[in-house]
Amino acid sequence: MAAPVYSTRLLQAQGLAGTISYTVPAGYILILRDLDVYCHATGVDHVLLIGAAGQAIWHQEFDATTTFYGSWRGRQVLYETETVQIAANMSILDSADVTLSGYLLTAP
């Protein structure tokens, strides 16, 4: 019988104004599933989900006239020792609350 699969919270930060990262442990494969972002914007702010090759997987721009919430739902695969990042390029005094989750599976 197959083993059950459970979601794993990979990253979470309150008041992010910079970059945080998660590296897949040796012996595992990561399936990214969800990113949720809440941003208190007074200027123009950008939040990016960045893949292992440095590529943008998702981008959201926030400003004082638009929504303060953004989310990404998908399936991106990262292999052992690869790194995913969340980068929050924020205006002065602004920050973002972020949560990234997915499935951490044993590598074959």
Protein backbone atom coordinates (compact mmCIF):
# COMPACT_ATOMS: atom_id res chain seq x y z
CA MET A 1 0.00 0.00 0.00
CA ALA A 2 1.24 3.52 -0.80
CA ALA A 3 2.36 5.77 2.06
CA PRO A 4 0.15 8.78 2.82
CA VAL A 5 1.38 12.21 1.66
CA TYR A 6 1.12 15.22 3.96
CA SER A 7 1.66 18.89 3.28
CA THR A 8 4.73 20.53 4.77
CA ARG A 9 5.10 24.18 5.66
CA LEU A 10 8.41 25.13 4.11
CA LEU A 11 8.72 28.85 4.84
CA GLN A 12 6.80 31.40 6.80
CA ALA A 13 7.69 34.93 7.70
CA GLN A 14 5.93 37.91 9.17
CA GLY A 15 7.23 41.31 8.11
CA LEU A 16 9.51 40.07 5.32
CA ALA A 17 11.44 42.82 3.53
CA GLY A 18 14.19 40.83 1.85
CA THR A 19 14.76 37.23 0.81
CA ILE A 20 14.23 33.89 2.55
CA SER A 21 15.06 30.47 1.16
CA TYR A 22 14.46 26.77 1.63
CA THR A 23 16.87 24.06 0.47
CA VAL A 24 15.54 20.58 -0.23
CA PRO A 25 17.26 18.08 2.08
CA ALA A 26 19.38 15.30 0.60
CA GLY A 27 17.29 12.24 -0.24
CA TYR A 28 14.08 14.21 -0.91
CA ILE A 29 12.11 15.73 -3.76
CA LEU A 30 9.96 18.81 -3.13
CA ILE A 31 6.66 19.55 -4.85
CA LEU A 32 5.83 23.23 -4.32
CA ARG A 33 2.07 23.74 -3.99
CA ASP A 34 1.00 27.00 -2.37
CA LEU A 35 2.30 30.49 -1.63
CA ASP A 36 0.17 33.01 0.25
CA VAL A 37 1.24 36.65 0.60
CA TYR A 38 -0.28 39.51 2.56
CA CYS A 39 1.35 42.87 1.96
CA HIS A 40 0.88 46.15 3.76
CA ALA A 41 1.78 48.46 0.86
CA THR A 42 2.20 52.20 0.98
CA GLY A 43 4.36 52.33 -2.14
CA VAL A 44 4.99 49.90 -4.99
CA ASP A 45 6.13 46.50 -3.69
CA HIS A 46 7.02 43.25 -5.45
CA VAL A 47 7.03 39.67 -4.16
CA LEU A 48 8.63 36.88 -6.21
CA LEU A 49 8.74 33.11 -5.90
CA ILE A 50 12.11 32.09 -7.37
CA GLY A 51 12.99 28.58 -8.54
CA ALA A 52 16.23 26.64 -8.32
CA ALA A 53 17.60 28.02 -11.62
CA GLY A 54 16.91 31.59 -10.52
CA GLN A 55 13.77 31.72 -12.66
CA ALA A 56 10.63 33.59 -11.60
CA ILE A 57 7.85 31.11 -10.88
CA TRP A 58 5.40 33.78 -9.68
CA HIS A 59 5.37 37.56 -9.28
CA GLN A 60 2.90 39.89 -7.62
CA GLU A 61 3.02 43.66 -7.50
CA PHE A 62 1.28 45.49 -4.68
CA ASP A 63 0.61 49.20 -4.25
CA ALA A 64 -1.62 51.35 -2.08
CA THR A 65 -4.42 51.24 -4.70
CA THR A 66 -4.58 47.45 -5.26
CA THR A 67 -5.29 44.33 -3.26
CA PHE A 68 -3.02 43.48 -0.36
CA TYR A 69 -3.34 39.69 -0.82
CA GLY A 70 -1.87 37.43 -3.48
CA SER A 71 -1.50 33.70 -3.86
CA TRP A 72 0.04 31.11 -6.14
CA ARG A 73 -1.23 27.55 -6.55
CA GLY A 74 0.68 25.09 -8.69
CA ARG A 75 3.09 22.21 -8.91
CA GLN A 76 6.80 22.82 -9.33
CA VAL A 77 9.40 20.11 -8.69
CA LEU A 78 12.72 20.72 -6.92
CA TYR A 79 15.32 18.02 -6.39
CA GLU A 80 17.59 17.36 -3.43
CA THR A 81 19.87 20.28 -2.50
CA GLU A 82 18.02 22.72 -4.83
CA THR A 83 16.80 25.97 -3.29
CA VAL A 84 13.56 27.93 -3.64
CA GLN A 85 13.38 31.59 -2.55
CA ILE A 86 10.78 34.21 -1.72
CA ALA A 87 12.02 37.73 -2.42
CA ALA A 88 10.11 40.75 -1.13
CA ASN A 89 11.29 44.00 -2.73
CA MET A 90 9.53 46.47 -0.50
CA SER A 91 9.18 50.24 -0.27
CA ILE A 92 10.52 51.80 2.89
CA LEU A 93 8.35 50.86 5.91
CA ASP A 94 6.51 48.11 3.95
CA SER A 95 6.70 44.37 4.56
CA ALA A 96 4.99 41.12 3.58
CA ASP A 97 3.68 38.12 5.46
CA VAL A 98 4.39 34.92 3.49
CA THR A 99 3.73 31.19 3.80
CA LEU A 100 5.03 28.55 1.37
CA SER A 101 3.98 24.90 1.52
CA GLY A 102 4.28 21.72 -0.50
CA TYR A 103 5.03 18.01 -0.36
CA LEU A 104 8.41 16.72 0.72
CA LEU A 105 8.74 13.22 -0.76
CA THR A 106 11.41 10.58 -0.34
CA ALA A 107 13.54 10.43 -3.49
CA PRO A 108 13.37 7.14 -5.42
